[in-house]
Amino acid sequence: MRLTLQNVGGARPGREDRATQGHPGKYAYCIGENEAASPWEPLSIERGFSSEDSTVTVCGSEAPHNINDHGTVTPEGIVATVVGTAATTGSNNIYLGGEPLIVLGPEHAATVASTGWKKDDFRRAVWGAAGVPRGRFTSENLARFEAIYPEGFTDRSPDAVLRIARDWRDIMVIVAGGAGKHSAFIPTFGATRSVTRKIAE
């Protein structure tokens, strides 16, 4: 597999492939949406494809961050647990933007939808709460982030909140997995954008 990545894909260490610490997702990381267990439309429909189309979405992502919540019975509670996993000072998405992915397990998705919440309601709630106050970043990182994302970090108070995405619409949400009250937060490598394409017959 490594030879194929290098010789076919051109992923040479230190050049095209400049990851400090890689993970197996570079070549063996695929998630199928559990459309049958989802209370909402799949990502492909959101992106303009029909229900008859078979699609694939490719995204430059980190490994999944587990979200363990076996007790919550409200949408707001699920949002709080997701936010606790997603909003960290070490996040690529905080200062680079991008499209982080939330993979809700069917049981968590059912809880979120139980009071009539739509996927966009959930996205907006997560985006509104998933932020890190500017004062939690080290001065060295603030100097770096101000150069990269000045409108987010420059001349703002320590209480100013930096969100996990530039806009709530940038947060992708899918339903996947089976029984068990686990979900996952999957940050992207910053400003990368996902691409969805129809699979040809």
Protein backbone atom coordinates (compact mmCIF):
# COMPACT_ATOMS: atom_id res chain seq x y z
CA MET A 1 0.00 0.00 0.00
CA ARG A 2 2.82 2.39 0.88
CA LEU A 3 4.53 1.74 -2.45
CA THR A 4 1.28 2.50 -4.27
CA LEU A 5 0.82 5.75 -2.33
CA GLN A 6 4.35 6.84 -3.21
CA ASN A 7 4.65 5.61 -6.78
CA VAL A 8 1.09 6.03 -8.07
CA GLY A 9 -0.21 8.81 -5.84
CA GLY A 10 3.07 10.66 -5.43
CA ALA A 11 2.75 10.83 -1.63
CA ARG A 12 6.43 11.21 -0.79
CA PRO A 13 7.29 11.80 2.89
CA GLY A 14 8.47 15.34 3.53
CA ARG A 15 7.27 16.58 0.13
CA GLU A 16 3.64 16.00 -0.92
CA ASP A 17 2.87 14.07 2.29
CA ARG A 18 3.96 16.45 5.03
CA ALA A 19 2.01 15.07 7.97
CA THR A 20 3.85 15.11 11.28
CA GLN A 21 1.88 12.12 12.49
CA GLY A 22 -0.21 10.25 9.95
CA HIS A 23 -3.05 7.82 10.59
CA PRO A 24 -4.47 4.82 8.72
CA GLY A 25 -7.26 6.98 7.36
CA LYS A 26 -4.95 8.06 4.58
CA TYR A 27 -5.73 4.80 2.83
CA ALA A 28 -8.34 2.84 4.80
CA TYR A 29 -10.94 5.24 6.11
CA CYS A 30 -14.44 5.01 4.68
CA ILE A 31 -17.81 5.74 6.30
CA GLY A 32 -21.18 4.76 4.84
CA GLU A 33 -24.21 6.82 5.87
CA ASN A 34 -26.92 4.84 7.62
CA GLU A 35 -29.72 6.40 5.60
CA ALA A 36 -32.29 3.89 6.86
CA ALA A 37 -31.71 4.99 10.47
CA SER A 38 -31.42 8.71 9.75
CA PRO A 39 -34.28 11.09 10.52
CA TRP A 40 -32.94 13.48 7.86
CA GLU A 41 -31.85 13.52 4.24
CA PRO A 42 -28.34 12.28 3.47
CA LEU A 43 -25.42 14.55 2.59
CA SER A 44 -25.76 13.74 -1.12
CA ILE A 45 -29.32 15.11 -1.23
CA GLU A 46 -28.18 18.25 0.58
CA ARG A 47 -25.63 18.70 -2.17
CA GLY A 48 -28.11 18.49 -5.00
CA PHE A 49 -28.02 14.82 -5.99
CA SER A 50 -31.14 12.70 -6.32
CA SER A 51 -32.11 9.79 -4.10
CA GLU A 52 -31.34 7.47 -7.03
CA ASP A 53 -27.75 8.65 -7.32
CA SER A 54 -24.91 6.78 -5.68
CA THR A 55 -22.28 9.26 -4.53
CA VAL A 56 -18.98 9.46 -2.72
CA THR A 57 -17.68 12.38 -0.67
CA VAL A 58 -13.94 12.83 -0.17
CA CYS A 59 -12.59 14.97 2.64
CA GLY A 60 -9.14 15.54 4.15
CA SER A 61 -9.90 14.60 7.74
CA GLU A 62 -8.37 13.66 11.05
CA ALA A 63 -9.18 10.41 12.82
CA PRO A 64 -12.61 10.31 14.51
CA HIS A 65 -12.88 11.76 18.03
CA ASN A 66 -15.30 9.61 20.03
CA ILE A 67 -18.41 11.24 21.53
CA ASN A 68 -19.72 9.09 24.39
CA ASP A 69 -23.13 10.09 25.77
CA HIS A 70 -25.34 7.36 27.22
CA GLY A 71 -27.48 9.56 29.43
CA THR A 72 -28.70 12.58 27.49
CA VAL A 73 -32.36 12.63 26.41
CA THR A 74 -32.63 16.08 24.79
CA PRO A 75 -31.23 17.69 21.63
CA GLU A 76 -29.62 20.38 23.76
CA GLY A 77 -27.83 17.73 25.79
CA ILE A 78 -26.43 16.05 22.68
CA VAL A 79 -25.25 19.47 21.45
CA ALA A 80 -23.46 20.07 24.77
CA THR A 81 -21.65 16.73 24.55
CA VAL A 82 -20.65 17.26 20.90
CA VAL A 83 -19.38 20.75 21.71
CA GLY A 84 -17.30 19.41 24.59
CA THR A 85 -15.49 17.15 22.15
CA ALA A 86 -15.22 19.60 19.26
CA ALA A 87 -14.18 22.94 20.77
CA THR A 88 -10.51 22.71 21.72
CA THR A 89 -7.50 25.03 21.48
CA GLY A 90 -5.65 22.41 19.41
CA SER A 91 -8.25 22.29 16.64
CA ASN A 92 -7.19 22.92 13.05
CA ASN A 93 -10.66 24.24 12.26
CA ILE A 94 -10.60 26.99 14.90
CA TYR A 95 -8.08 29.10 13.00
CA LEU A 96 -8.11 27.59 9.50
CA GLY A 97 -11.84 27.10 8.89
CA GLY A 98 -12.79 24.06 6.84
CA GLU A 99 -15.68 21.64 7.08
CA PRO A 100 -15.65 19.57 10.25
CA LEU A 101 -17.84 16.47 10.18
CA ILE A 102 -20.19 15.30 12.92
CA VAL A 103 -21.14 11.64 12.61
CA LEU A 104 -24.19 11.03 14.78
CA GLY A 105 -24.96 7.49 15.77
CA PRO A 106 -28.60 6.55 15.04
CA GLU A 107 -29.62 6.80 18.70
CA HIS A 108 -28.11 10.26 19.14
CA ALA A 109 -29.69 11.38 15.86
CA ALA A 110 -33.07 10.09 17.05
CA THR A 111 -32.68 12.07 20.28
CA VAL A 112 -31.84 15.24 18.36
CA ALA A 113 -34.83 14.77 16.03
CA SER A 114 -37.22 13.73 18.81
CA THR A 115 -38.54 17.25 19.37
CA GLY A 116 -38.68 18.20 15.70
CA TRP A 117 -35.15 19.49 15.22
CA LYS A 118 -33.95 19.47 11.62
CA LYS A 119 -30.33 18.89 10.66
CA ASP A 120 -29.86 22.64 10.19
CA ASP A 121 -31.20 23.28 13.71
CA PHE A 122 -28.58 20.94 15.08
CA ARG A 123 -25.81 22.48 12.95
CA ARG A 124 -26.69 26.01 14.06
CA ALA A 125 -26.83 24.99 17.72
CA VAL A 126 -23.45 23.25 17.58
CA TRP A 127 -21.85 26.16 15.72
CA GLY A 128 -23.26 28.67 18.18
CA ALA A 129 -21.90 26.80 21.19
CA ALA A 130 -18.69 25.22 19.85
CA GLY A 131 -16.20 27.99 20.36
CA VAL A 132 -13.02 28.67 22.30
CA PRO A 133 -12.47 32.03 24.03
CA ARG A 134 -9.46 33.88 22.61
CA GLY A 135 -7.97 34.10 26.10
CA ARG A 136 -7.45 30.32 26.25
CA PHE A 137 -4.82 30.38 23.49
CA THR A 138 -1.15 30.90 24.34
CA SER A 139 0.42 34.21 23.36
CA GLU A 140 2.71 32.41 20.90
CA ASN A 141 -0.22 30.77 19.15
CA LEU A 142 -2.18 34.02 19.14
CA ALA A 143 0.67 35.74 17.30
CA ARG A 144 0.64 32.96 14.71
CA PHE A 145 -3.16 32.82 14.37
CA GLU A 146 -3.40 36.62 14.01
CA ALA A 147 -1.19 36.36 10.93
CA ILE A 148 -3.23 33.48 9.47
CA TYR A 149 -6.75 34.61 10.39
CA PRO A 150 -6.52 38.30 11.38
CA GLU A 151 -10.26 39.01 11.26
CA GLY A 152 -10.83 36.27 13.84
CA PHE A 153 -7.93 36.86 16.22
CA THR A 154 -6.58 40.42 15.89
CA ASP A 155 -7.62 43.20 18.29
CA ARG A 156 -10.27 41.13 20.02
CA SER A 157 -10.91 40.72 23.74
CA PRO A 158 -9.89 37.57 25.65
CA ASP A 159 -13.60 36.69 25.86
CA ALA A 160 -14.08 36.78 22.08
CA VAL A 161 -15.13 33.31 20.88
CA LEU A 162 -13.51 31.51 17.95
CA ARG A 163 -15.82 28.95 16.35
CA ILE A 164 -15.06 25.50 14.92
CA ALA A 165 -16.06 26.69 11.44
CA ARG A 166 -16.39 30.05 9.70
CA ASP A 167 -20.12 29.50 9.17
CA TRP A 168 -22.66 27.03 10.57
CA ARG A 169 -23.29 25.74 7.04
CA ASP A 170 -19.67 24.51 6.91
CA ILE A 171 -20.41 21.83 9.51
CA MET A 172 -21.23 18.54 7.82
CA VAL A 173 -23.63 16.18 9.62
CA ILE A 174 -24.32 12.56 8.72
CA VAL A 175 -25.86 9.58 10.52
CA ALA A 176 -23.76 6.43 10.58
CA GLY A 177 -23.09 3.36 12.66
CA GLY A 178 -25.35 1.03 14.57
CA ALA A 179 -26.67 0.46 18.08
CA GLY A 180 -24.94 2.22 20.95
CA LYS A 181 -24.93 5.82 22.11
CA HIS A 182 -21.67 6.90 20.51
CA SER A 183 -21.05 9.51 17.83
CA ALA A 184 -17.89 11.06 16.41
CA PHE A 185 -16.42 14.45 15.69
CA ILE A 186 -14.06 14.49 12.70
CA PRO A 187 -12.11 17.71 12.21
CA THR A 188 -10.65 18.48 8.81
CA PHE A 189 -7.14 19.59 8.03
CA GLY A 190 -8.15 23.20 8.26
CA ALA A 191 -9.21 25.01 5.13
CA THR A 192 -9.69 21.91 2.99
CA ARG A 193 -13.12 21.49 1.42
CA SER A 194 -14.95 18.24 0.79
CA VAL A 195 -16.01 17.13 -2.69
CA THR A 196 -19.08 14.99 -3.52
CA ARG A 197 -19.28 13.22 -6.86
CA LYS A 198 -21.74 10.80 -8.47
CA ILE A 199 -20.42 7.31 -8.98
CA ALA A 200 -20.72 6.35 -12.64
CA GLU A 201 -22.61 3.19 -13.55
